[in-house]
Amino acid sequence: MPFSRRRFVSAAGAIALGLSAFGHTATAAAQDKEPLSVAMGDIASVESLGLLIAMERTKEKGIPMDITFFNSEDVATQAVVSGQADIGVGAPYAFIQNSGAPIRMFYRMSTLLFFPVVNSEVYSDWADLDGQEVAVHSRGSGTEALMRLMEQKNGISYSNVSYVPGSEVRAGAMLQGTINATIVDAAAFRLLQEQGGEKFKRLSVEGVNATDEALYTNTTVLEERSEDIATFVGELMRTWADINEDPSIVAELREEYGLLPDLPDQAAGDITTYYQEAVEGGVFPTDGGEPGDARDDLDFLAAAGQVEAPGEDFDPEQYWSFAPLDSARQ
């Protein structure tokens, strides 16, 4: 059964409250701290579990954290810029370049591994999408960048790009026949294969290596809560290493921490498979990011027409702060 956006948005408030609650192993001193608040422009899903686990582990270190799920990455970004949230989830290269906003990425959570997919009863290849509508996650997202890049490479022009947050939601719309061309993650593509068989066809994508999601924050937060951010980064690195070593640990830790209690049984049963496939695809880098990644990302986004390509004098710290990673590695 496909995920329901209404169900997950309704659950988001409860999840946010649960994550803002103080962990039972945290020290009493941490109760005086303001929580590190995370803004995520997506629904709560299996893909969120790695981040949620790292947050729980950070709370065990005495740093309270909470998370709020918004209906778009744009809204989440504005929450970080305005100071309503401390940390955002995404890869806001275009926003930083266009606005000069004082936000910087500090942890690379995942690399792009998506599956452009079409209803084979309607389309058979990229050329068929000329003049047609496609659905992606959100404006400025990796899904949009990849679809724009394929549009450019294949010499076609979409009639419209619609924004539908959540791979599971887009897969559900494909199964219901409300959209016929989109891009989804591995779990959603597997769902389409299981429930649609040969009806849904994956379109080929070659030579793409770019950041899907990173964590970013306001430079003021980087300065004022540098130790807390570094601790959080350390727990992210530990969690990502654990997932790469044994993907089944995600399902175990979900139960241990009581995360996403309203997850449908079918989705819960797919957790280990999803993370196994992601690990095999190299989705979760264990280094947290490095300066070369910033140039690769901008080259990718420039090819998709979203940003200006980096010049010879490119400085990755226009977009990234590597200080939390450096501190966490010590």
C-alpha atoms as a PDB file:
ATOM      1  CA  MET A   1       0.000   0.000   0.000  1.00  0.00           C
ATOM      2  CA  PRO A   2       1.538   3.364  -0.976  1.00  0.00           C
ATOM      3  CA  PHE A   3       2.275   5.885   1.769  1.00  0.00           C
ATOM      4  CA  SER A   4      -0.400   8.535   2.324  1.00  0.00           C
ATOM      5  CA  ARG A   5       0.923  12.099   2.487  1.00  0.00           C
ATOM      6  CA  ARG A   6      -1.913  13.034   4.830  1.00  0.00           C
ATOM      7  CA  ARG A   7      -1.032  10.189   7.139  1.00  0.00           C
ATOM      8  CA  PHE A   8       2.597  11.166   7.331  1.00  0.00           C
ATOM      9  CA  VAL A   9       2.042  14.874   7.629  1.00  0.00           C
ATOM     10  CA  SER A  10      -0.380  14.177  10.466  1.00  0.00           C
ATOM     11  CA  ALA A  11       2.186  11.929  12.096  1.00  0.00           C
ATOM     12  CA  ALA A  12       4.903  14.543  11.655  1.00  0.00           C
ATOM     13  CA  GLY A  13       3.690  16.650  14.555  1.00  0.00           C
ATOM     14  CA  ALA A  14       3.784  13.675  16.855  1.00  0.00           C
ATOM     15  CA  ILE A  15       7.218  12.735  15.594  1.00  0.00           C
ATOM     16  CA  ALA A  16       8.504  16.268  16.114  1.00  0.00           C
ATOM     17  CA  LEU A  17       7.183  16.266  19.660  1.00  0.00           C
ATOM     18  CA  GLY A  18       8.683  12.846  20.313  1.00  0.00           C
ATOM     19  CA  LEU A  19      12.072  13.900  19.027  1.00  0.00           C
ATOM     20  CA  SER A  20      12.057  17.107  21.018  1.00  0.00           C
ATOM     21  CA  ALA A  21      11.399  15.163  24.201  1.00  0.00           C
ATOM     22  CA  PHE A  22      14.514  14.633  26.258  1.00  0.00           C
ATOM     23  CA  GLY A  23      16.195  11.226  25.938  1.00  0.00           C
ATOM     24  CA  HIS A  24      16.228   9.123  29.076  1.00  0.00           C
ATOM     25  CA  THR A  25      20.001   8.723  29.034  1.00  0.00           C
ATOM     26  CA  ALA A  26      20.786  12.419  28.593  1.00  0.00           C
ATOM     27  CA  THR A  27      22.251  14.407  31.457  1.00  0.00           C
ATOM     28  CA  ALA A  28      20.176  16.766  33.530  1.00  0.00           C
ATOM     29  CA  ALA A  29      22.419  19.669  32.572  1.00  0.00           C
ATOM     30  CA  ALA A  30      21.288  19.432  28.959  1.00  0.00           C
ATOM     31  CA  GLN A  31      17.769  20.378  29.992  1.00  0.00           C
ATOM     32  CA  ASP A  32      18.948  23.987  30.154  1.00  0.00           C
ATOM     33  CA  LYS A  33      20.003  23.937  26.490  1.00  0.00           C
ATOM     34  CA  GLU A  34      17.844  24.998  23.586  1.00  0.00           C
ATOM     35  CA  PRO A  35      17.246  22.037  21.278  1.00  0.00           C
ATOM     36  CA  LEU A  36      19.079  21.923  17.978  1.00  0.00           C
ATOM     37  CA  SER A  37      16.071  22.122  15.686  1.00  0.00           C
ATOM     38  CA  VAL A  38      16.040  20.440  12.282  1.00  0.00           C
ATOM     39  CA  ALA A  39      13.773  21.504   9.413  1.00  0.00           C
ATOM     40  CA  MET A  40      13.093  18.892   6.742  1.00  0.00           C
ATOM     41  CA  GLY A  41      11.117  19.617   3.582  1.00  0.00           C
ATOM     42  CA  ASP A  42       9.743  16.121   3.176  1.00  0.00           C
ATOM     43  CA  ILE A  43       7.400  13.631   4.774  1.00  0.00           C
ATOM     44  CA  ALA A  44       8.623  11.327   7.514  1.00  0.00           C
ATOM     45  CA  SER A  45       9.614   8.051   5.863  1.00  0.00           C
ATOM     46  CA  VAL A  46      12.065   5.160   5.822  1.00  0.00           C
ATOM     47  CA  GLU A  47      14.639   7.482   4.229  1.00  0.00           C
ATOM     48  CA  SER A  48      14.578   9.672   7.351  1.00  0.00           C
ATOM     49  CA  LEU A  49      15.631   6.928   9.750  1.00  0.00           C
ATOM     50  CA  GLY A  50      19.402   7.359   9.481  1.00  0.00           C
ATOM     51  CA  LEU A  51      19.096  11.020  10.413  1.00  0.00           C
ATOM     52  CA  LEU A  52      16.592  10.317  13.195  1.00  0.00           C
ATOM     53  CA  ILE A  53      18.873   7.672  14.705  1.00  0.00           C
ATOM     54  CA  ALA A  54      21.858  10.051  14.670  1.00  0.00           C
ATOM     55  CA  MET A  55      19.677  12.649  16.396  1.00  0.00           C
ATOM     56  CA  GLU A  56      18.720  10.178  19.123  1.00  0.00           C
ATOM     57  CA  ARG A  57      22.382   9.314  19.650  1.00  0.00           C
ATOM     58  CA  THR A  58      23.201  13.018  19.868  1.00  0.00           C
ATOM     59  CA  LYS A  59      20.526  13.427  22.534  1.00  0.00           C
ATOM     60  CA  GLU A  60      22.232  10.641  24.465  1.00  0.00           C
ATOM     61  CA  LYS A  61      25.330  12.848  24.462  1.00  0.00           C
ATOM     62  CA  GLY A  62      23.350  15.523  26.318  1.00  0.00           C
ATOM     63  CA  ILE A  63      22.291  17.695  23.369  1.00  0.00           C
ATOM     64  CA  PRO A  64      18.513  17.958  22.915  1.00  0.00           C
ATOM     65  CA  MET A  65      17.246  17.923  19.326  1.00  0.00           C
ATOM     66  CA  ASP A  66      13.907  18.144  17.565  1.00  0.00           C
ATOM     67  CA  ILE A  67      12.685  17.947  13.992  1.00  0.00           C
ATOM     68  CA  THR A  68       9.807  19.452  12.038  1.00  0.00           C
ATOM     69  CA  PHE A  69       8.654  18.186   8.650  1.00  0.00           C
ATOM     70  CA  PHE A  70       7.569  20.858   6.162  1.00  0.00           C
ATOM     71  CA  ASN A  71       5.744  20.424   2.870  1.00  0.00           C
ATOM     72  CA  SER A  72       8.654  21.744   0.770  1.00  0.00           C
ATOM     73  CA  GLU A  73      12.401  22.282   0.923  1.00  0.00           C
ATOM     74  CA  ASP A  74      11.861  25.975   0.146  1.00  0.00           C
ATOM     75  CA  VAL A  75       9.895  26.446   3.365  1.00  0.00           C
ATOM     76  CA  ALA A  76      12.488  24.475   5.349  1.00  0.00           C
ATOM     77  CA  THR A  77      15.296  26.631   3.928  1.00  0.00           C
ATOM     78  CA  GLN A  78      13.480  29.818   4.872  1.00  0.00           C
ATOM     79  CA  ALA A  79      13.065  28.466   8.398  1.00  0.00           C
ATOM     80  CA  VAL A  80      16.845  28.098   8.690  1.00  0.00           C
ATOM     81  CA  VAL A  81      17.568  31.501   7.143  1.00  0.00           C
ATOM     82  CA  SER A  82      15.103  33.231   9.465  1.00  0.00           C
ATOM     83  CA  GLY A  83      16.392  31.457  12.564  1.00  0.00           C
ATOM     84  CA  GLN A  84      13.195  29.499  13.178  1.00  0.00           C
ATOM     85  CA  ALA A  85      15.231  26.315  12.748  1.00  0.00           C
ATOM     86  CA  ASP A  86      18.926  25.620  13.272  1.00  0.00           C
ATOM     87  CA  ILE A  87      19.570  22.933  10.664  1.00  0.00           C
ATOM     88  CA  GLY A  88      18.085  22.206   7.253  1.00  0.00           C
ATOM     89  CA  VAL A  89      18.148  19.139   5.038  1.00  0.00           C
ATOM     90  CA  GLY A  90      18.908  19.517   1.337  1.00  0.00           C
ATOM     91  CA  ALA A  91      21.599  20.803  -1.012  1.00  0.00           C
ATOM     92  CA  PRO A  92      20.886  24.533  -1.309  1.00  0.00           C
ATOM     93  CA  TYR A  93      23.653  25.474  -3.742  1.00  0.00           C
ATOM     94  CA  ALA A  94      21.359  27.493  -5.999  1.00  0.00           C
ATOM     95  CA  PHE A  95      19.784  29.306  -3.068  1.00  0.00           C
ATOM     96  CA  ILE A  96      23.180  30.269  -1.624  1.00  0.00           C
ATOM     97  CA  GLN A  97      24.515  31.350  -4.998  1.00  0.00           C
ATOM     98  CA  ASN A  98      21.454  33.417  -5.884  1.00  0.00           C
ATOM     99  CA  SER A  99      20.748  34.965  -2.483  1.00  0.00           C
ATOM    100  CA  GLY A 100      24.115  35.121  -0.757  1.00  0.00           C
ATOM    101  CA  ALA A 101      22.342  33.878   2.372  1.00  0.00           C
ATOM    102  CA  PRO A 102      24.685  33.117   5.303  1.00  0.00           C
ATOM    103  CA  ILE A 103      24.025  29.391   5.370  1.00  0.00           C
ATOM    104  CA  ARG A 104      26.606  26.660   4.874  1.00  0.00           C
ATOM    105  CA  MET A 105      26.441  22.911   4.396  1.00  0.00           C
ATOM    106  CA  PHE A 106      28.389  20.885   6.933  1.00  0.00           C
ATOM    107  CA  TYR A 107      27.573  17.187   6.374  1.00  0.00           C
ATOM    108  CA  ARG A 108      26.985  15.181   3.198  1.00  0.00           C
ATOM    109  CA  MET A 109      24.314  12.634   4.067  1.00  0.00           C
ATOM    110  CA  SER A 110      23.660  10.965   0.726  1.00  0.00           C
ATOM    111  CA  THR A 111      24.622  10.866  -2.900  1.00  0.00           C
ATOM    112  CA  LEU A 112      22.187  10.853  -5.761  1.00  0.00           C
ATOM    113  CA  LEU A 113      20.712   7.449  -6.573  1.00  0.00           C
ATOM    114  CA  PHE A 114      17.365   7.904  -8.244  1.00  0.00           C
ATOM    115  CA  PHE A 115      15.357   6.080 -10.858  1.00  0.00           C
ATOM    116  CA  PRO A 116      13.626   8.033 -13.635  1.00  0.00           C
ATOM    117  CA  VAL A 117      10.583   5.906 -14.384  1.00  0.00           C
ATOM    118  CA  VAL A 118       7.713   6.062 -16.853  1.00  0.00           C
ATOM    119  CA  ASN A 119       4.455   4.280 -17.474  1.00  0.00           C
ATOM    120  CA  SER A 120       5.501   2.080 -20.410  1.00  0.00           C
ATOM    121  CA  GLU A 121       1.952   2.110 -21.736  1.00  0.00           C
ATOM    122  CA  VAL A 122       2.407   5.827 -22.380  1.00  0.00           C
ATOM    123  CA  TYR A 123       6.163   6.404 -22.875  1.00  0.00           C
ATOM    124  CA  SER A 124       9.107   4.194 -23.799  1.00  0.00           C
ATOM    125  CA  ASP A 125      12.197   6.448 -23.742  1.00  0.00           C
ATOM    126  CA  TRP A 126      13.461   9.954 -23.028  1.00  0.00           C
ATOM    127  CA  ALA A 127      12.453  11.204 -26.475  1.00  0.00           C
ATOM    128  CA  ASP A 128       8.820  10.431 -25.667  1.00  0.00           C
ATOM    129  CA  LEU A 129       8.955  12.943 -22.810  1.00  0.00           C
ATOM    130  CA  ASP A 130       9.448  15.861 -25.178  1.00  0.00           C
ATOM    131  CA  GLY A 131       6.511  18.186 -24.537  1.00  0.00           C
ATOM    132  CA  GLN A 132       5.275  16.084 -21.598  1.00  0.00           C
ATOM    133  CA  GLU A 133       4.931  16.703 -17.860  1.00  0.00           C
ATOM    134  CA  VAL A 134       7.219  15.093 -15.275  1.00  0.00           C
ATOM    135  CA  ALA A 135       7.015  15.054 -11.470  1.00  0.00           C
ATOM    136  CA  VAL A 136       9.971  15.595  -9.107  1.00  0.00           C
ATOM    137  CA  HIS A 137      10.404  16.022  -5.356  1.00  0.00           C
ATOM    138  CA  SER A 138      10.764  19.803  -5.025  1.00  0.00           C
ATOM    139  CA  ARG A 139      12.170  22.928  -6.618  1.00  0.00           C
ATOM    140  CA  GLY A 140      15.965  22.898  -6.528  1.00  0.00           C
ATOM    141  CA  SER A 141      16.133  19.268  -5.369  1.00  0.00           C
ATOM    142  CA  GLY A 142      18.480  16.626  -6.734  1.00  0.00           C
ATOM    143  CA  THR A 143      15.535  14.976  -8.442  1.00  0.00           C
ATOM    144  CA  GLU A 144      14.802  18.141 -10.386  1.00  0.00           C
ATOM    145  CA  ALA A 145      18.479  18.632 -11.253  1.00  0.00           C
ATOM    146  CA  LEU A 146      18.772  15.099 -12.604  1.00  0.00           C
ATOM    147  CA  MET A 147      15.608  15.372 -14.687  1.00  0.00           C
ATOM    148  CA  ARG A 148      16.724  18.749 -16.033  1.00  0.00           C
ATOM    149  CA  LEU A 149      20.130  17.304 -16.902  1.00  0.00           C
ATOM    150  CA  MET A 150      18.503  14.415 -18.780  1.00  0.00           C
ATOM    151  CA  GLU A 151      16.247  16.917 -20.551  1.00  0.00           C
ATOM    152  CA  GLN A 152      19.365  18.749 -21.715  1.00  0.00           C
ATOM    153  CA  LYS A 153      21.318  15.625 -22.660  1.00  0.00           C
ATOM    154  CA  ASN A 154      18.447  14.182 -24.664  1.00  0.00           C
ATOM    155  CA  GLY A 155      17.536  17.403 -26.475  1.00  0.00           C
ATOM    156  CA  ILE A 156      13.970  17.486 -25.211  1.00  0.00           C
ATOM    157  CA  SER A 157      11.788  20.020 -23.392  1.00  0.00           C
ATOM    158  CA  TYR A 158       9.220  19.119 -20.753  1.00  0.00           C
ATOM    159  CA  SER A 159       5.881  20.897 -20.897  1.00  0.00           C
ATOM    160  CA  ASN A 160       5.892  21.235 -17.103  1.00  0.00           C
ATOM    161  CA  VAL A 161       7.722  20.057 -14.005  1.00  0.00           C
ATOM    162  CA  SER A 162       5.398  19.465 -11.063  1.00  0.00           C
ATOM    163  CA  TYR A 163       6.577  19.223  -7.455  1.00  0.00           C
ATOM    164  CA  VAL A 164       5.349  16.227  -5.457  1.00  0.00           C
ATOM    165  CA  PRO A 165       7.314  15.682  -2.210  1.00  0.00           C
ATOM    166  CA  GLY A 166       8.119  12.079  -1.268  1.00  0.00           C
ATOM    167  CA  SER A 167       9.215   9.190  -3.475  1.00  0.00           C
ATOM    168  CA  GLU A 168       6.505   7.018  -1.957  1.00  0.00           C
ATOM    169  CA  VAL A 169       3.879   9.628  -2.812  1.00  0.00           C
ATOM    170  CA  ARG A 170       5.068   9.846  -6.423  1.00  0.00           C
ATOM    171  CA  ALA A 171       5.127   6.052  -6.699  1.00  0.00           C
ATOM    172  CA  GLY A 172       1.578   5.923  -5.364  1.00  0.00           C
ATOM    173  CA  ALA A 173       0.505   8.451  -7.984  1.00  0.00           C
ATOM    174  CA  MET A 174       2.148   6.304 -10.680  1.00  0.00           C
ATOM    175  CA  LEU A 175       0.240   3.246  -9.470  1.00  0.00           C
ATOM    176  CA  GLN A 176      -2.997   5.229  -9.451  1.00  0.00           C
ATOM    177  CA  GLY A 177      -2.317   6.569 -12.931  1.00  0.00           C
ATOM    178  CA  THR A 178      -2.367  10.240 -11.956  1.00  0.00           C
ATOM    179  CA  ILE A 179       1.188  10.771 -13.219  1.00  0.00           C
ATOM    180  CA  ASN A 180       3.058   8.880 -15.936  1.00  0.00           C
ATOM    181  CA  ALA A 181       6.638  10.111 -15.627  1.00  0.00           C
ATOM    182  CA  THR A 182       8.613  10.784 -12.463  1.00  0.00           C
ATOM    183  CA  ILE A 183      11.790  10.008 -10.555  1.00  0.00           C
ATOM    184  CA  VAL A 184      11.869   7.893  -7.392  1.00  0.00           C
ATOM    185  CA  ASP A 185      14.293   6.262  -4.974  1.00  0.00           C
ATOM    186  CA  ALA A 186      15.201   2.578  -4.813  1.00  0.00           C
ATOM    187  CA  ALA A 187      12.433   1.629  -2.368  1.00  0.00           C
ATOM    188  CA  ALA A 188       9.731   3.329  -4.401  1.00  0.00           C
ATOM    189  CA  PHE A 189      11.045   1.829  -7.631  1.00  0.00           C
ATOM    190  CA  ARG A 190      10.932  -1.618  -6.070  1.00  0.00           C
ATOM    191  CA  LEU A 191       7.333  -0.932  -5.034  1.00  0.00           C
ATOM    192  CA  LEU A 192       6.465  -0.059  -8.631  1.00  0.00           C
ATOM    193  CA  GLN A 193       8.094  -3.258  -9.854  1.00  0.00           C
ATOM    194  CA  GLU A 194       6.275  -5.373  -7.274  1.00  0.00           C
ATOM    195  CA  GLN A 195       2.844  -3.881  -7.846  1.00  0.00           C
ATOM    196  CA  GLY A 196       3.073  -2.859 -11.488  1.00  0.00           C
ATOM    197  CA  GLY A 197       5.373  -5.457 -13.012  1.00  0.00           C
ATOM    198  CA  GLU A 198       6.545  -4.484 -16.483  1.00  0.00           C
ATOM    199  CA  LYS A 199       4.145  -1.555 -16.672  1.00  0.00           C
ATOM    200  CA  PHE A 200       6.786   0.762 -15.232  1.00  0.00           C
ATOM    201  CA  LYS A 201      10.067   1.226 -17.061  1.00  0.00           C
ATOM    202  CA  ARG A 202      13.294   2.729 -15.764  1.00  0.00           C
ATOM    203  CA  LEU A 203      14.987   5.207 -18.097  1.00  0.00           C
ATOM    204  CA  SER A 204      18.783   5.061 -18.296  1.00  0.00           C
ATOM    205  CA  VAL A 205      21.016   7.550 -16.478  1.00  0.00           C
ATOM    206  CA  GLU A 206      24.798   7.469 -16.842  1.00  0.00           C
ATOM    207  CA  GLY A 207      27.761   9.358 -15.430  1.00  0.00           C
ATOM    208  CA  VAL A 208      26.028  11.180 -12.572  1.00  0.00           C
ATOM    209  CA  ASN A 209      27.672  11.533  -9.164  1.00  0.00           C
ATOM    210  CA  ALA A 210      26.300  14.306  -6.961  1.00  0.00           C
ATOM    211  CA  THR A 211      25.021  15.093  -3.489  1.00  0.00           C
ATOM    212  CA  ASP A 212      21.392  14.260  -2.877  1.00  0.00           C
ATOM    213  CA  GLU A 213      21.004  15.552   0.666  1.00  0.00           C
ATOM    214  CA  ALA A 214      23.302  17.448   2.987  1.00  0.00           C
ATOM    215  CA  LEU A 215      22.794  19.198   6.306  1.00  0.00           C
ATOM    216  CA  TYR A 216      23.222  22.958   6.438  1.00  0.00           C
ATOM    217  CA  THR A 217      22.893  25.710   8.999  1.00  0.00           C
ATOM    218  CA  ASN A 218      23.126  29.432   9.534  1.00  0.00           C
ATOM    219  CA  THR A 219      26.670  30.712  10.079  1.00  0.00           C
ATOM    220  CA  THR A 220      25.538  32.192  13.395  1.00  0.00           C
ATOM    221  CA  VAL A 221      24.572  28.726  14.621  1.00  0.00           C
ATOM    222  CA  LEU A 222      27.915  27.374  13.418  1.00  0.00           C
ATOM    223  CA  GLU A 223      29.675  29.916  15.608  1.00  0.00           C
ATOM    224  CA  GLU A 224      27.427  29.891  18.657  1.00  0.00           C
ATOM    225  CA  ARG A 225      26.865  26.115  18.859  1.00  0.00           C
ATOM    226  CA  SER A 226      30.031  24.810  17.254  1.00  0.00           C
ATOM    227  CA  GLU A 227      30.608  22.135  19.907  1.00  0.00           C
ATOM    228  CA  ASP A 228      27.033  20.842  19.676  1.00  0.00           C
ATOM    229  CA  ILE A 229      27.175  20.745  15.863  1.00  0.00           C
ATOM    230  CA  ALA A 230      30.504  18.880  16.009  1.00  0.00           C
ATOM    231  CA  THR A 231      29.006  16.341  18.432  1.00  0.00           C
ATOM    232  CA  PHE A 232      26.045  15.865  16.106  1.00  0.00           C
ATOM    233  CA  VAL A 233      28.399  15.370  13.155  1.00  0.00           C
ATOM    234  CA  GLY A 234      30.319  12.765  15.153  1.00  0.00           C
ATOM    235  CA  GLU A 235      27.101  10.817  15.745  1.00  0.00           C
ATOM    236  CA  LEU A 236      26.159  11.129  12.067  1.00  0.00           C
ATOM    237  CA  MET A 237      29.526   9.673  11.080  1.00  0.00           C
ATOM    238  CA  ARG A 238      29.149   6.844  13.604  1.00  0.00           C
ATOM    239  CA  THR A 239      25.631   6.079  12.414  1.00  0.00           C
ATOM    240  CA  TRP A 240      26.611   6.161   8.737  1.00  0.00           C
ATOM    241  CA  ALA A 241      29.554   3.819   9.431  1.00  0.00           C
ATOM    242  CA  ASP A 242      27.234   1.420  11.291  1.00  0.00           C
ATOM    243  CA  ILE A 243      24.713   1.445   8.426  1.00  0.00           C
ATOM    244  CA  ASN A 244      27.401   0.756   5.839  1.00  0.00           C
ATOM    245  CA  GLU A 245      28.748  -2.113   7.937  1.00  0.00           C
ATOM    246  CA  ASP A 246      25.337  -3.651   8.661  1.00  0.00           C
ATOM    247  CA  PRO A 247      22.219  -2.124   7.028  1.00  0.00           C
ATOM    248  CA  SER A 248      19.934  -4.232   9.235  1.00  0.00           C
ATOM    249  CA  ILE A 249      20.902  -2.078  12.212  1.00  0.00           C
ATOM    250  CA  VAL A 250      18.488   0.628  11.012  1.00  0.00           C
ATOM    251  CA  ALA A 251      15.431  -1.543  11.672  1.00  0.00           C
ATOM    252  CA  GLU A 252      16.854  -2.587  15.038  1.00  0.00           C
ATOM    253  CA  LEU A 253      17.533   0.972  16.160  1.00  0.00           C
ATOM    254  CA  ARG A 254      14.136   2.144  14.915  1.00  0.00           C
ATOM    255  CA  GLU A 255      12.583  -0.305  17.374  1.00  0.00           C
ATOM    256  CA  GLU A 256      15.008   0.629  20.150  1.00  0.00           C
ATOM    257  CA  TYR A 257      14.285   4.352  19.858  1.00  0.00           C
ATOM    258  CA  GLY A 258      10.598   4.025  18.971  1.00  0.00           C
ATOM    259  CA  LEU A 259      10.960   5.974  15.715  1.00  0.00           C
ATOM    260  CA  LEU A 260       8.178   6.347  13.124  1.00  0.00           C
ATOM    261  CA  PRO A 261       5.687   4.277  15.132  1.00  0.00           C
ATOM    262  CA  ASP A 262       2.949   4.837  12.522  1.00  0.00           C
ATOM    263  CA  LEU A 263       4.992   3.416   9.653  1.00  0.00           C
ATOM    264  CA  PRO A 264       2.839   0.916   7.716  1.00  0.00           C
ATOM    265  CA  ASP A 265       3.827  -2.728   8.199  1.00  0.00           C
ATOM    266  CA  GLN A 266       4.836  -3.119   4.570  1.00  0.00           C
ATOM    267  CA  ALA A 267       7.148  -0.118   4.743  1.00  0.00           C
ATOM    268  CA  ALA A 268       8.610  -1.289   8.048  1.00  0.00           C
ATOM    269  CA  GLY A 269       9.303  -4.679   6.512  1.00  0.00           C
ATOM    270  CA  ASP A 270      11.196  -3.012   3.663  1.00  0.00           C
ATOM    271  CA  ILE A 271      13.582  -1.013   5.856  1.00  0.00           C
ATOM    272  CA  THR A 272      16.493  -3.438   5.694  1.00  0.00           C
ATOM    273  CA  THR A 273      16.074  -4.051   1.968  1.00  0.00           C
ATOM    274  CA  TYR A 274      16.028  -0.309   1.285  1.00  0.00           C
ATOM    275  CA  TYR A 275      19.211   0.316   3.262  1.00  0.00           C
ATOM    276  CA  GLN A 276      20.946  -2.730   1.781  1.00  0.00           C
ATOM    277  CA  GLU A 277      20.254  -1.437  -1.727  1.00  0.00           C
ATOM    278  CA  ALA A 278      21.342   2.070  -0.752  1.00  0.00           C
ATOM    279  CA  VAL A 279      24.602   0.823   0.736  1.00  0.00           C
ATOM    280  CA  GLU A 280      25.283  -1.287  -2.349  1.00  0.00           C
ATOM    281  CA  GLY A 281      24.680   1.822  -4.466  1.00  0.00           C
ATOM    282  CA  GLY A 282      27.117   3.887  -2.386  1.00  0.00           C
ATOM    283  CA  VAL A 283      24.389   6.270  -1.266  1.00  0.00           C
ATOM    284  CA  PHE A 284      25.737   6.891   2.264  1.00  0.00           C
ATOM    285  CA  PRO A 285      29.282   8.315   2.183  1.00  0.00           C
ATOM    286  CA  THR A 286      31.208   7.751   5.400  1.00  0.00           C
ATOM    287  CA  ASP A 287      33.504  10.778   5.106  1.00  0.00           C
ATOM    288  CA  GLY A 288      30.786  13.399   5.575  1.00  0.00           C
ATOM    289  CA  GLY A 289      31.932  15.438   2.604  1.00  0.00           C
ATOM    290  CA  GLU A 290      35.092  17.082   1.289  1.00  0.00           C
ATOM    291  CA  PRO A 291      35.956  20.190  -0.759  1.00  0.00           C
ATOM    292  CA  GLY A 292      36.020  18.263  -4.048  1.00  0.00           C
ATOM    293  CA  ASP A 293      32.376  17.303  -3.555  1.00  0.00           C
ATOM    294  CA  ALA A 294      31.314  20.945  -3.697  1.00  0.00           C
ATOM    295  CA  ARG A 295      32.859  21.439  -7.140  1.00  0.00           C
ATOM    296  CA  ASP A 296      31.355  18.156  -8.399  1.00  0.00           C
ATOM    297  CA  ASP A 297      27.935  19.219  -7.139  1.00  0.00           C
ATOM    298  CA  LEU A 298      28.128  22.619  -8.798  1.00  0.00           C
ATOM    299  CA  ASP A 299      29.300  21.082 -12.071  1.00  0.00           C
ATOM    300  CA  PHE A 300      26.282  18.765 -11.955  1.00  0.00           C
ATOM    301  CA  LEU A 301      23.839  21.531 -11.095  1.00  0.00           C
ATOM    302  CA  ALA A 302      25.344  23.823 -13.738  1.00  0.00           C
ATOM    303  CA  ALA A 303      24.831  21.129 -16.384  1.00  0.00           C
ATOM    304  CA  ALA A 304      21.207  21.027 -15.261  1.00  0.00           C
ATOM    305  CA  GLY A 305      20.958  24.809 -15.615  1.00  0.00           C
ATOM    306  CA  GLN A 306      20.379  25.511 -11.915  1.00  0.00           C
ATOM    307  CA  VAL A 307      23.584  27.365 -11.031  1.00  0.00           C
ATOM    308  CA  GLU A 308      26.571  29.027 -12.630  1.00  0.00           C
ATOM    309  CA  ALA A 309      29.521  26.677 -13.071  1.00  0.00           C
ATOM    310  CA  PRO A 310      32.418  27.168 -10.638  1.00  0.00           C
ATOM    311  CA  GLY A 311      35.382  29.149 -11.943  1.00  0.00           C
ATOM    312  CA  GLU A 312      39.093  28.572 -11.466  1.00  0.00           C
ATOM    313  CA  ASP A 313      39.064  30.654  -8.268  1.00  0.00           C
ATOM    314  CA  PHE A 314      36.205  28.630  -6.768  1.00  0.00           C
ATOM    315  CA  ASP A 315      36.205  28.517  -2.969  1.00  0.00           C
ATOM    316  CA  PRO A 316      34.138  25.615  -1.542  1.00  0.00           C
ATOM    317  CA  GLU A 317      33.698  27.527   1.721  1.00  0.00           C
ATOM    318  CA  GLN A 318      31.286  29.793  -0.113  1.00  0.00           C
ATOM    319  CA  TYR A 319      28.897  26.868   0.290  1.00  0.00           C
ATOM    320  CA  TRP A 320      30.398  24.634   2.973  1.00  0.00           C
ATOM    321  CA  SER A 321      31.912  24.815   6.418  1.00  0.00           C
ATOM    322  CA  PHE A 322      34.217  21.863   7.066  1.00  0.00           C
ATOM    323  CA  ALA A 323      35.022  22.896  10.640  1.00  0.00           C
ATOM    324  CA  PRO A 324      32.407  20.564  12.239  1.00  0.00           C
ATOM    325  CA  LEU A 325      33.804  17.606  10.288  1.00  0.00           C
ATOM    326  CA  ASP A 326      37.348  18.526  11.241  1.00  0.00           C
ATOM    327  CA  SER A 327      36.349  18.734  14.908  1.00  0.00           C
ATOM    328  CA  ALA A 328      34.431  15.454  14.795  1.00  0.00           C
ATOM    329  CA  ARG A 329      37.406  13.641  13.255  1.00  0.00           C
ATOM    330  CA  GLN A 330      39.778  14.668  16.049  1.00  0.00           C
END
